[in-house]
Amino acid sequence: MTVALAPPPVAVPAVRLGDAIERAAEAAAIALLLATTAIALLQVFCRYVLGGALAWPEEAIKFLFVWFVFVGAAMVTRRGQHIAIDMLQRSLPGRWLPWHAAFARTVSAAASGFLLIYGWQLTRAASFVSPALEWPHTYLYLAVPVGAALALLLKLLTPVAGMRGLVPAALAVAAGLGIAGALAWMGDQGLFGFPQSIAAALVLLVIGLMMLGVPLVDALVFGTCAAFLPRGPLLMTSVPQGMVNGMDYLLVAIPFFILAAGFMNAGGITDRLVALAVSLVGHFRGGFGHVNVLTNTLMGGVSGSSTADAAAIAKTLVLPMAAQGYPKPFSVALTASASILANLIPPSLGLIVYASLAAVSVGALFVGTIVPGLLMAAALSIVVWLSCRRHGYGPAGRRATWAERGIATKLALPALALPLLIVGGIRYGAFSATEAGAVAALYSLLCGVLVYRNAGGRQLLQATRAALSETVTVMIVIAASAPFAYALVIEQVPQRIALQLGTLAGSALVLLLVINVFLIVVGLAMEMIASMVILVPLLVPLLKAANVDLVHFGIVMVANLCIGALTPPLAVLVFTAARVTDTPVPDTYRACRPFMAALLVWLALVTFVPALTLWPVRFFG
């Protein structure tokens, strides 16, 4: 989850300068995002309207996307929105929190210092040009030192949480830069005397920094640079290079789908999907509980983000459920549990990230989620029915007439068509996953403006800003994980794990059982994207050796990590839904138990019956 900085205690001119720089960075990042979207749409237009695809859009999108991520990362640094594990922060006494924030700022500044130093060296050494546009890669890699310098400037101009003035911030940034500069100089001079093979130290350092509350991107960058320092400056430049190369073209789909979800929400699509769900299942016992599950199922095909669904549907449905006699903890627990469906129904952001990391077809993953997603919705609905019957929640409501259902379906039809457009277009080759995201963003914009007519300029701008922040926080972690994974390979960590677990490779079922338990434990304390970018490179060789289908495992992995997101200590889905409805978190934990039990039974079924995932993939070709 993210850790927010406290607002500046005094409005000094330097802080106002930081605010101005932050706004300028946001404007630049939004312009880059919209330009990237426009170029992807241009490619689709040229292919199907003008009869021929262009050669340069993929290269241009790559350049713009890299700059978008690094400029945007500096902006979210100022806002304290980088993903971090805040277990330690929540448990510390209040008097220690400022010192914890200063420590995190120092490590963050050191990580930015490394990127500034070695990003600049990489920029100066780059000699390649892009084939179609003939743009020098110097301009591509320049995004790293520019973004790092901008981040350092904003860290300098942002007061440390709980401390007055900018002097503590200046001291923390100076200390971080001093650490980075001293270590870089020692590495260049070959002064490190410890062994070059430091796999255990690398993993422990990164995990330790994460547990201490350092933002994940900074922990990954600092840990990887520390591991590479004994090997000399040449390998150090592979850190910024790996971050840039890790931004695969497929991952550009992520901001497009997030933007599409923002446009749909700005257009009032959530209310229309709720109205459709009420008309279909609102008359059953526990009707609003079933409405909650069905709305999450429908919304999953729009947003692709469990966190976004948990927040949006909690705001929309928890209070009406309370008015119908449902306890708030039950309603919030159901909302958090059902929001997992957003990562099992296209366009799932988790599946897109997994497809990039494991090099599998995103279209196959999308099709493979059809049956598991419907089974999960059914499992949650059974728990709702049993709970309502036992405790007397949710009396049956009025049955909607067929005319009312027809009107509700007609109003929601444009949104319901979006998942079909995405899955069909990708699966049958009409466009790539990235182009599908751009088409979805345009489609959502047109629906909000022309069909529903609820999306004004202010709402669209807010949706774009939210998409920017959410995309950057995810993408910069994925980028930082690429050199970290490379460091693990150099240190032969995957090979060693494969050797230790080699006895399990002969039994796919035993291997899947062990990995399932492991992933649920990981999901207790780590955010899904962070877990995937670290673990997928480690697990894929084992799965291949055991002949486990990677499409099947992708769905199992995403489900595992999402279920972990319902469980303390991180429990990001529970915290999200509880926070927006002002519901006590401990009460929500207790209310989650029956839903967790159903989800674990569902997980075992999907894990050990691969046909549920693979049959639709084979059927649709």
Foldseek 3Di string as FASTA:
>chain_A
DFDFFDAAPDDDVLLVVLVVLLVVLLVLLLVLLVVLLVLLVVQLCCCPPVPDGDDCSLVSSLLSVLLSLLSLVLNVLLGRGFDAFCPVVVPDPPVCNLVLLLQLLLLLLLLLLLQLVLLVVCLVPFDDADDRVRHTCSSSSVSRNVSSVSSLSSLQSHDRHPDHDRPSSVVSNVNSNVVNVVLQVCLQVLVDDDDLQDLVQLVCQLVVCRVSTRRNLSSLSSSLLVSCSNVHSVVSSVQSVLLSVLCDSLLLLQLLLLLLLLLLVLLVLLVLLLLLQCQPQQQDQLRLLLSLLSSLLLSLQRRLDLLVQLQVVLLVRLVVQVVQPDDSLLVSLSSLLSSLLSLLAPPHSLLSLLCSLLVDQSLLLNLLSPLLSVVLSVLSVVVSNVVCVVPVGGHGDDHHDPVSSVVSCVLNVLSNCLSVQQSVCCLVVSDHSSSSSSVSSVSSNCCSCPPSNSNDPVSSVVSSSVSSSVSSSLSSSSSSLRSVLVSCVVSPVLVVVCVVCVVCLCPLVVVLVVVLVVLLVVLQRDQLSNCSSNPSSNCSVSCVSSVHDSSLVSSLNSLSSSLSLCHPDNVVSSCSSCVSVVHDSVSSNVSNVSSSVSSVVSSVVSSVPVCSRCVSSVVSD
